[in-house]
Amino acid sequence: MLCWFHIDNNVNTKCKILVDKKNAWDYVMEAWGSLVDCPSKQEFDDCLMKFEIACSPWPMFVDYVKQTWLIPPQAEIC
């Protein structure tokens, strides 16, 4: 498992690659911060929706975050 520091560093790096403007990058990272600091499971879906809206111009970034950090991979059934 990785610590939040390393996860945040990886998300920051990927965001800098995919989001082309500094002010947009700040906005996206603020949305990311709100998502990871979401106060409860009940509010998570709302925070995720706000993150997706903030990142809508960069769907590859949303996919990266969801597939890599938010939605665990399904275990293979043998």
PDB file of N, CA and C in Angstrom:
ATOM      1  N   MET A   1       0.834  -1.180   0.000  1.00  0.00           N
ATOM      2  CA  MET A   1       0.000   0.000   0.000  1.00  0.00           C
ATOM      3  C   MET A   1       0.886   1.253   0.000  1.00  0.00           C
ATOM      4  N   LEU A   2       0.393   2.272  -0.624  1.00  0.00           N
ATOM      5  CA  LEU A   2       1.105   3.549  -0.650  1.00  0.00           C
ATOM      6  C   LEU A   2       0.481   4.513   0.345  1.00  0.00           C
ATOM      7  N   CYS A   3       1.270   5.426   0.832  1.00  0.00           N
ATOM      8  CA  CYS A   3       0.749   6.446   1.727  1.00  0.00           C
ATOM      9  C   CYS A   3       0.114   7.567   0.895  1.00  0.00           C
ATOM     10  N   TRP A   4      -0.700   8.394   1.544  1.00  0.00           N
ATOM     11  CA  TRP A   4      -1.381   9.489   0.848  1.00  0.00           C
ATOM     12  C   TRP A   4      -0.392  10.448   0.198  1.00  0.00           C
ATOM     13  N   PHE A   5       0.753  10.634   0.810  1.00  0.00           N
ATOM     14  CA  PHE A   5       1.763  11.518   0.241  1.00  0.00           C
ATOM     15  C   PHE A   5       2.168  11.046  -1.147  1.00  0.00           C
ATOM     16  N   HIS A   6       2.450   9.746  -1.279  1.00  0.00           N
ATOM     17  CA  HIS A   6       2.889   9.208  -2.561  1.00  0.00           C
ATOM     18  C   HIS A   6       1.745   9.162  -3.578  1.00  0.00           C
ATOM     19  N   ILE A   7       0.553   8.864  -3.117  1.00  0.00           N
ATOM     20  CA  ILE A   7      -0.605   8.896  -4.018  1.00  0.00           C
ATOM     21  C   ILE A   7      -0.794  10.301  -4.556  1.00  0.00           C
ATOM     22  N   ASP A   8      -0.756  11.290  -3.668  1.00  0.00           N
ATOM     23  CA  ASP A   8      -0.927  12.684  -4.078  1.00  0.00           C
ATOM     24  C   ASP A   8       0.169  13.108  -5.056  1.00  0.00           C
ATOM     25  N   ASN A   9       1.394  12.682  -4.814  1.00  0.00           N
ATOM     26  CA  ASN A   9       2.489  12.991  -5.746  1.00  0.00           C
ATOM     27  C   ASN A   9       2.225  12.394  -7.125  1.00  0.00           C
ATOM     28  N   ASN A  10       1.758  11.156  -7.165  1.00  0.00           N
ATOM     29  CA  ASN A  10       1.464  10.522  -8.446  1.00  0.00           C
ATOM     30  C   ASN A  10       0.331  11.227  -9.173  1.00  0.00           C
ATOM     31  N   VAL A  11      -0.717  11.601  -8.441  1.00  0.00           N
ATOM     32  CA  VAL A  11      -1.841  12.319  -9.056  1.00  0.00           C
ATOM     33  C   VAL A  11      -1.375  13.684  -9.554  1.00  0.00           C
ATOM     34  N   ASN A  12      -0.583  14.388  -8.763  1.00  0.00           N
ATOM     35  CA  ASN A  12      -0.043  15.685  -9.187  1.00  0.00           C
ATOM     36  C   ASN A  12       0.761  15.557 -10.476  1.00  0.00           C
ATOM     37  N   THR A  13       1.615  14.566 -10.549  1.00  0.00           N
ATOM     38  CA  THR A  13       2.447  14.373 -11.735  1.00  0.00           C
ATOM     39  C   THR A  13       1.598  14.094 -12.959  1.00  0.00           C
ATOM     40  N   LYS A  14       0.614  13.198 -12.822  1.00  0.00           N
ATOM     41  CA  LYS A  14      -0.256  12.869 -13.953  1.00  0.00           C
ATOM     42  C   LYS A  14      -1.081  14.090 -14.358  1.00  0.00           C
ATOM     43  N   CYS A  15      -1.543  14.861 -13.385  1.00  0.00           N
ATOM     44  CA  CYS A  15      -2.325  16.062 -13.675  1.00  0.00           C
ATOM     45  C   CYS A  15      -1.490  17.066 -14.460  1.00  0.00           C
ATOM     46  N   LYS A  16      -0.248  17.269 -14.062  1.00  0.00           N
ATOM     47  CA  LYS A  16       0.619  18.212 -14.775  1.00  0.00           C
ATOM     48  C   LYS A  16       0.837  17.783 -16.218  1.00  0.00           C
ATOM     49  N   ILE A  17       0.865  16.478 -16.457  1.00  0.00           N
ATOM     50  CA  ILE A  17       1.055  15.977 -17.817  1.00  0.00           C
ATOM     51  C   ILE A  17      -0.197  16.215 -18.669  1.00  0.00           C
ATOM     52  N   LEU A  18      -1.380  15.997 -18.088  1.00  0.00           N
ATOM     53  CA  LEU A  18      -2.617  16.016 -18.864  1.00  0.00           C
ATOM     54  C   LEU A  18      -3.344  17.358 -18.874  1.00  0.00           C
ATOM     55  N   VAL A  19      -3.152  18.162 -17.846  1.00  0.00           N
ATOM     56  CA  VAL A  19      -3.847  19.461 -17.762  1.00  0.00           C
ATOM     57  C   VAL A  19      -2.858  20.534 -18.168  1.00  0.00           C
ATOM     58  N   ASP A  20      -3.207  21.268 -19.215  1.00  0.00           N
ATOM     59  CA  ASP A  20      -2.221  22.129 -19.865  1.00  0.00           C
ATOM     60  C   ASP A  20      -2.058  23.535 -19.293  1.00  0.00           C
ATOM     61  N   LYS A  21      -2.968  24.014 -18.475  1.00  0.00           N
ATOM     62  CA  LYS A  21      -2.868  25.392 -17.965  1.00  0.00           C
ATOM     63  C   LYS A  21      -2.743  25.392 -16.446  1.00  0.00           C
ATOM     64  N   LYS A  22      -1.909  26.266 -15.940  1.00  0.00           N
ATOM     65  CA  LYS A  22      -1.641  26.333 -14.496  1.00  0.00           C
ATOM     66  C   LYS A  22      -2.908  26.597 -13.693  1.00  0.00           C
ATOM     67  N   ASN A  23      -3.724  27.565 -14.111  1.00  0.00           N
ATOM     68  CA  ASN A  23      -4.927  27.863 -13.330  1.00  0.00           C
ATOM     69  C   ASN A  23      -5.905  26.690 -13.362  1.00  0.00           C
ATOM     70  N   ALA A  24      -5.974  25.978 -14.489  1.00  0.00           N
ATOM     71  CA  ALA A  24      -6.821  24.792 -14.570  1.00  0.00           C
ATOM     72  C   ALA A  24      -6.250  23.693 -13.677  1.00  0.00           C
ATOM     73  N   TRP A  25      -4.937  23.549 -13.683  1.00  0.00           N
ATOM     74  CA  TRP A  25      -4.280  22.544 -12.841  1.00  0.00           C
ATOM     75  C   TRP A  25      -4.615  22.787 -11.372  1.00  0.00           C
ATOM     76  N   ASP A  26      -4.557  24.050 -10.930  1.00  0.00           N
ATOM     77  CA  ASP A  26      -4.898  24.387  -9.545  1.00  0.00           C
ATOM     78  C   ASP A  26      -6.341  24.006  -9.224  1.00  0.00           C
ATOM     79  N   TYR A  27      -7.246  24.290 -10.148  1.00  0.00           N
ATOM     80  CA  TYR A  27      -8.674  23.993  -9.972  1.00  0.00           C
ATOM     81  C   TYR A  27      -8.905  22.481  -9.866  1.00  0.00           C
ATOM     82  N   VAL A  28      -8.260  21.721 -10.726  1.00  0.00           N
ATOM     83  CA  VAL A  28      -8.396  20.274 -10.716  1.00  0.00           C
ATOM     84  C   VAL A  28      -7.828  19.687  -9.429  1.00  0.00           C
ATOM     85  N   MET A  29      -6.668  20.170  -9.013  1.00  0.00           N
ATOM     86  CA  MET A  29      -6.069  19.652  -7.794  1.00  0.00           C
ATOM     87  C   MET A  29      -6.877  20.036  -6.549  1.00  0.00           C
ATOM     88  N   GLU A  30      -7.537  21.159  -6.589  1.00  0.00           N
ATOM     89  CA  GLU A  30      -8.434  21.527  -5.487  1.00  0.00           C
ATOM     90  C   GLU A  30      -9.601  20.539  -5.420  1.00  0.00           C
ATOM     91  N   ALA A  31     -10.141  20.185  -6.582  1.00  0.00           N
ATOM     92  CA  ALA A  31     -11.226  19.198  -6.632  1.00  0.00           C
ATOM     93  C   ALA A  31     -10.740  17.840  -6.135  1.00  0.00           C
ATOM     94  N   TRP A  32      -9.522  17.466  -6.493  1.00  0.00           N
ATOM     95  CA  TRP A  32      -8.928  16.220  -6.004  1.00  0.00           C
ATOM     96  C   TRP A  32      -8.813  16.259  -4.480  1.00  0.00           C
ATOM     97  N   GLY A  33      -8.320  17.377  -3.941  1.00  0.00           N
ATOM     98  CA  GLY A  33      -8.179  17.517  -2.495  1.00  0.00           C
ATOM     99  C   GLY A  33      -9.512  17.384  -1.779  1.00  0.00           C
ATOM    100  N   SER A  34     -10.548  17.973  -2.335  1.00  0.00           N
ATOM    101  CA  SER A  34     -11.882  17.857  -1.736  1.00  0.00           C
ATOM    102  C   SER A  34     -12.370  16.411  -1.758  1.00  0.00           C
ATOM    103  N   LEU A  35     -12.043  15.709  -2.834  1.00  0.00           N
ATOM    104  CA  LEU A  35     -12.462  14.322  -2.950  1.00  0.00           C
ATOM    105  C   LEU A  35     -11.771  13.451  -1.909  1.00  0.00           C
ATOM    106  N   VAL A  36     -10.464  13.572  -1.789  1.00  0.00           N
ATOM    107  CA  VAL A  36      -9.752  12.707  -0.838  1.00  0.00           C
ATOM    108  C   VAL A  36      -9.995  13.114   0.612  1.00  0.00           C
ATOM    109  N   ASP A  37     -10.406  14.348   0.832  1.00  0.00           N
ATOM    110  CA  ASP A  37     -10.724  14.801   2.186  1.00  0.00           C
ATOM    111  C   ASP A  37     -12.216  14.743   2.477  1.00  0.00           C
ATOM    112  N   CYS A  38     -12.952  14.043   1.643  1.00  0.00           N
ATOM    113  CA  CYS A  38     -14.401  13.931   1.812  1.00  0.00           C
ATOM    114  C   CYS A  38     -14.691  13.415   3.229  1.00  0.00           C
ATOM    115  N   PRO A  39     -15.570  14.099   3.955  1.00  0.00           N
ATOM    116  CA  PRO A  39     -15.758  13.778   5.368  1.00  0.00           C
ATOM    117  C   PRO A  39     -16.509  12.475   5.667  1.00  0.00           C
ATOM    118  N   SER A  40     -17.248  11.936   4.701  1.00  0.00           N
ATOM    119  CA  SER A  40     -18.015  10.721   5.003  1.00  0.00           C
ATOM    120  C   SER A  40     -18.296   9.925   3.737  1.00  0.00           C
ATOM    121  N   LYS A  41     -18.634   8.664   3.932  1.00  0.00           N
ATOM    122  CA  LYS A  41     -19.002   7.817   2.803  1.00  0.00           C
ATOM    123  C   LYS A  41     -20.257   8.349   2.123  1.00  0.00           C
ATOM    124  N   GLN A  42     -21.159   8.915   2.896  1.00  0.00           N
ATOM    125  CA  GLN A  42     -22.404   9.443   2.350  1.00  0.00           C
ATOM    126  C   GLN A  42     -22.152  10.604   1.392  1.00  0.00           C
ATOM    127  N   GLU A  43     -21.117  11.382   1.633  1.00  0.00           N
ATOM    128  CA  GLU A  43     -20.815  12.543   0.795  1.00  0.00           C
ATOM    129  C   GLU A  43     -19.837  12.214  -0.339  1.00  0.00           C
ATOM    130  N   PHE A  44     -19.304  11.001  -0.345  1.00  0.00           N
ATOM    131  CA  PHE A  44     -18.299  10.653  -1.331  1.00  0.00           C
ATOM    132  C   PHE A  44     -18.825  10.777  -2.763  1.00  0.00           C
ATOM    133  N   ASP A  45     -20.023  10.266  -3.019  1.00  0.00           N
ATOM    134  CA  ASP A  45     -20.566  10.333  -4.380  1.00  0.00           C
ATOM    135  C   ASP A  45     -20.699  11.772  -4.860  1.00  0.00           C
ATOM    136  N   ASP A  46     -21.113  12.662  -3.975  1.00  0.00           N
ATOM    137  CA  ASP A  46     -21.225  14.075  -4.334  1.00  0.00           C
ATOM    138  C   ASP A  46     -19.850  14.672  -4.621  1.00  0.00           C
ATOM    139  N   CYS A  47     -18.867  14.347  -3.788  1.00  0.00           N
ATOM    140  CA  CYS A  47     -17.504  14.837  -4.012  1.00  0.00           C
ATOM    141  C   CYS A  47     -16.930  14.280  -5.318  1.00  0.00           C
ATOM    142  N   LEU A  48     -17.224  13.023  -5.616  1.00  0.00           N
ATOM    143  CA  LEU A  48     -16.748  12.416  -6.857  1.00  0.00           C
ATOM    144  C   LEU A  48     -17.389  13.095  -8.065  1.00  0.00           C
ATOM    145  N   MET A  49     -18.689  13.380  -7.973  1.00  0.00           N
ATOM    146  CA  MET A  49     -19.363  14.061  -9.074  1.00  0.00           C
ATOM    147  C   MET A  49     -18.751  15.450  -9.311  1.00  0.00           C
ATOM    148  N   LYS A  50     -18.467  16.179  -8.251  1.00  0.00           N
ATOM    149  CA  LYS A  50     -17.849  17.501  -8.382  1.00  0.00           C
ATOM    150  C   LYS A  50     -16.456  17.387  -8.999  1.00  0.00           C
ATOM    151  N   PHE A  51     -15.708  16.363  -8.616  1.00  0.00           N
ATOM    152  CA  PHE A  51     -14.395  16.123  -9.202  1.00  0.00           C
ATOM    153  C   PHE A  51     -14.523  15.839 -10.693  1.00  0.00           C
ATOM    154  N   GLU A  52     -15.466  14.984 -11.067  1.00  0.00           N
ATOM    155  CA  GLU A  52     -15.665  14.648 -12.475  1.00  0.00           C
ATOM    156  C   GLU A  52     -16.064  15.871 -13.292  1.00  0.00           C
ATOM    157  N   ILE A  53     -16.888  16.735 -12.733  1.00  0.00           N
ATOM    158  CA  ILE A  53     -17.287  17.961 -13.431  1.00  0.00           C
ATOM    159  C   ILE A  53     -16.079  18.886 -13.593  1.00  0.00           C
ATOM    160  N   ALA A  54     -15.308  19.048 -12.533  1.00  0.00           N
ATOM    161  CA  ALA A  54     -14.128  19.922 -12.597  1.00  0.00           C
ATOM    162  C   ALA A  54     -13.128  19.420 -13.625  1.00  0.00           C
ATOM    163  N   CYS A  55     -13.068  18.113 -13.798  1.00  0.00           N
ATOM    164  CA  CYS A  55     -12.085  17.510 -14.700  1.00  0.00           C
ATOM    165  C   CYS A  55     -12.671  17.119 -16.054  1.00  0.00           C
ATOM    166  N   SER A  56     -13.887  17.528 -16.333  1.00  0.00           N
ATOM    167  CA  SER A  56     -14.541  17.087 -17.566  1.00  0.00           C
ATOM    168  C   SER A  56     -13.750  17.404 -18.840  1.00  0.00           C
ATOM    169  N   PRO A  57     -12.980  18.493 -18.907  1.00  0.00           N
ATOM    170  CA  PRO A  57     -12.179  18.706 -20.117  1.00  0.00           C
ATOM    171  C   PRO A  57     -11.016  17.704 -20.265  1.00  0.00           C
ATOM    172  N   TRP A  58     -10.728  16.964 -19.216  1.00  0.00           N
ATOM    173  CA  TRP A  58      -9.610  16.019 -19.226  1.00  0.00           C
ATOM    174  C   TRP A  58     -10.082  14.628 -18.811  1.00  0.00           C
ATOM    175  N   PRO A  59     -10.885  13.971 -19.639  1.00  0.00           N
ATOM    176  CA  PRO A  59     -11.428  12.659 -19.251  1.00  0.00           C
ATOM    177  C   PRO A  59     -10.348  11.608 -19.007  1.00  0.00           C
ATOM    178  N   MET A  60      -9.204  11.753 -19.659  1.00  0.00           N
ATOM    179  CA  MET A  60      -8.123  10.789 -19.408  1.00  0.00           C
ATOM    180  C   MET A  60      -7.632  10.886 -17.969  1.00  0.00           C
ATOM    181  N   PHE A  61      -7.630  12.089 -17.409  1.00  0.00           N
ATOM    182  CA  PHE A  61      -7.215  12.265 -16.024  1.00  0.00           C
ATOM    183  C   PHE A  61      -8.240  11.638 -15.082  1.00  0.00           C
ATOM    184  N   VAL A  62      -9.527  11.858 -15.359  1.00  0.00           N
ATOM    185  CA  VAL A  62     -10.582  11.258 -14.533  1.00  0.00           C
ATOM    186  C   VAL A  62     -10.463   9.733 -14.569  1.00  0.00           C
ATOM    187  N   ASP A  63     -10.271   9.186 -15.760  1.00  0.00           N
ATOM    188  CA  ASP A  63     -10.127   7.733 -15.894  1.00  0.00           C
ATOM    189  C   ASP A  63      -8.917   7.230 -15.100  1.00  0.00           C
ATOM    190  N   TYR A  64      -7.803   7.955 -15.208  1.00  0.00           N
ATOM    191  CA  TYR A  64      -6.600   7.565 -14.462  1.00  0.00           C
ATOM    192  C   TYR A  64      -6.879   7.528 -12.964  1.00  0.00           C
ATOM    193  N   VAL A  65      -7.477   8.577 -12.435  1.00  0.00           N
ATOM    194  CA  VAL A  65      -7.733   8.654 -10.994  1.00  0.00           C
ATOM    195  C   VAL A  65      -8.693   7.545 -10.566  1.00  0.00           C
ATOM    196  N   LYS A  66      -9.763   7.374 -11.309  1.00  0.00           N
ATOM    197  CA  LYS A  66     -10.748   6.366 -10.924  1.00  0.00           C
ATOM    198  C   LYS A  66     -10.179   4.953 -11.020  1.00  0.00           C
ATOM    199  N   GLN A  67      -9.491   4.659 -12.088  1.00  0.00           N
ATOM    200  CA  GLN A  67      -8.984   3.304 -12.289  1.00  0.00           C
ATOM    201  C   GLN A  67      -7.777   2.986 -11.408  1.00  0.00           C
ATOM    202  N   THR A  68      -6.981   3.996 -11.110  1.00  0.00           N
ATOM    203  CA  THR A  68      -5.757   3.752 -10.351  1.00  0.00           C
ATOM    204  C   THR A  68      -5.940   3.911  -8.851  1.00  0.00           C
ATOM    205  N   TRP A  69      -6.717   4.902  -8.424  1.00  0.00           N
ATOM    206  CA  TRP A  69      -6.758   5.236  -7.004  1.00  0.00           C
ATOM    207  C   TRP A  69      -8.116   5.103  -6.337  1.00  0.00           C
ATOM    208  N   LEU A  70      -9.196   5.136  -7.091  1.00  0.00           N
ATOM    209  CA  LEU A  70     -10.500   5.143  -6.431  1.00  0.00           C
ATOM    210  C   LEU A  70     -11.242   3.820  -6.494  1.00  0.00           C
ATOM    211  N   ILE A  71     -11.187   3.142  -7.602  1.00  0.00           N
ATOM    212  CA  ILE A  71     -11.947   1.907  -7.768  1.00  0.00           C
ATOM    213  C   ILE A  71     -10.969   0.741  -7.773  1.00  0.00           C
ATOM    214  N   PRO A  72     -11.024  -0.084  -6.732  1.00  0.00           N
ATOM    215  CA  PRO A  72     -10.060  -1.186  -6.679  1.00  0.00           C
ATOM    216  C   PRO A  72     -10.318  -2.181  -7.815  1.00  0.00           C
ATOM    217  N   PRO A  73      -9.254  -2.778  -8.325  1.00  0.00           N
ATOM    218  CA  PRO A  73      -9.425  -3.769  -9.382  1.00  0.00           C
ATOM    219  C   PRO A  73     -10.188  -4.980  -8.863  1.00  0.00           C
ATOM    220  N   GLN A  74     -10.965  -5.570  -9.721  1.00  0.00           N
ATOM    221  CA  GLN A  74     -11.733  -6.767  -9.357  1.00  0.00           C
ATOM    222  C   GLN A  74     -10.788  -7.970  -9.303  1.00  0.00           C
ATOM    223  N   ALA A  75     -10.981  -8.766  -8.294  1.00  0.00           N
ATOM    224  CA  ALA A  75     -10.177  -9.987  -8.168  1.00  0.00           C
ATOM    225  C   ALA A  75     -10.620 -10.986  -9.235  1.00  0.00           C
ATOM    226  N   GLU A  76      -9.659 -11.670  -9.769  1.00  0.00           N
ATOM    227  CA  GLU A  76      -9.970 -12.689 -10.763  1.00  0.00           C
ATOM    228  C   GLU A  76     -10.549 -13.911 -10.061  1.00  0.00           C
ATOM    229  N   ILE A  77     -11.557 -14.462 -10.678  1.00  0.00           N
ATOM    230  CA  ILE A  77     -12.175 -15.673 -10.128  1.00  0.00           C
ATOM    231  C   ILE A  77     -11.638 -16.860 -10.913  1.00  0.00           C
ATOM    232  N   CYS A  78     -11.048 -17.788 -10.199  1.00  0.00           N
ATOM    233  CA  CYS A  78     -10.459 -18.970 -10.866  1.00  0.00           C
ATOM    234  C   CYS A  78     -11.458 -20.107 -10.923  1.00  0.00           C
TER     235      CYS A  78
END
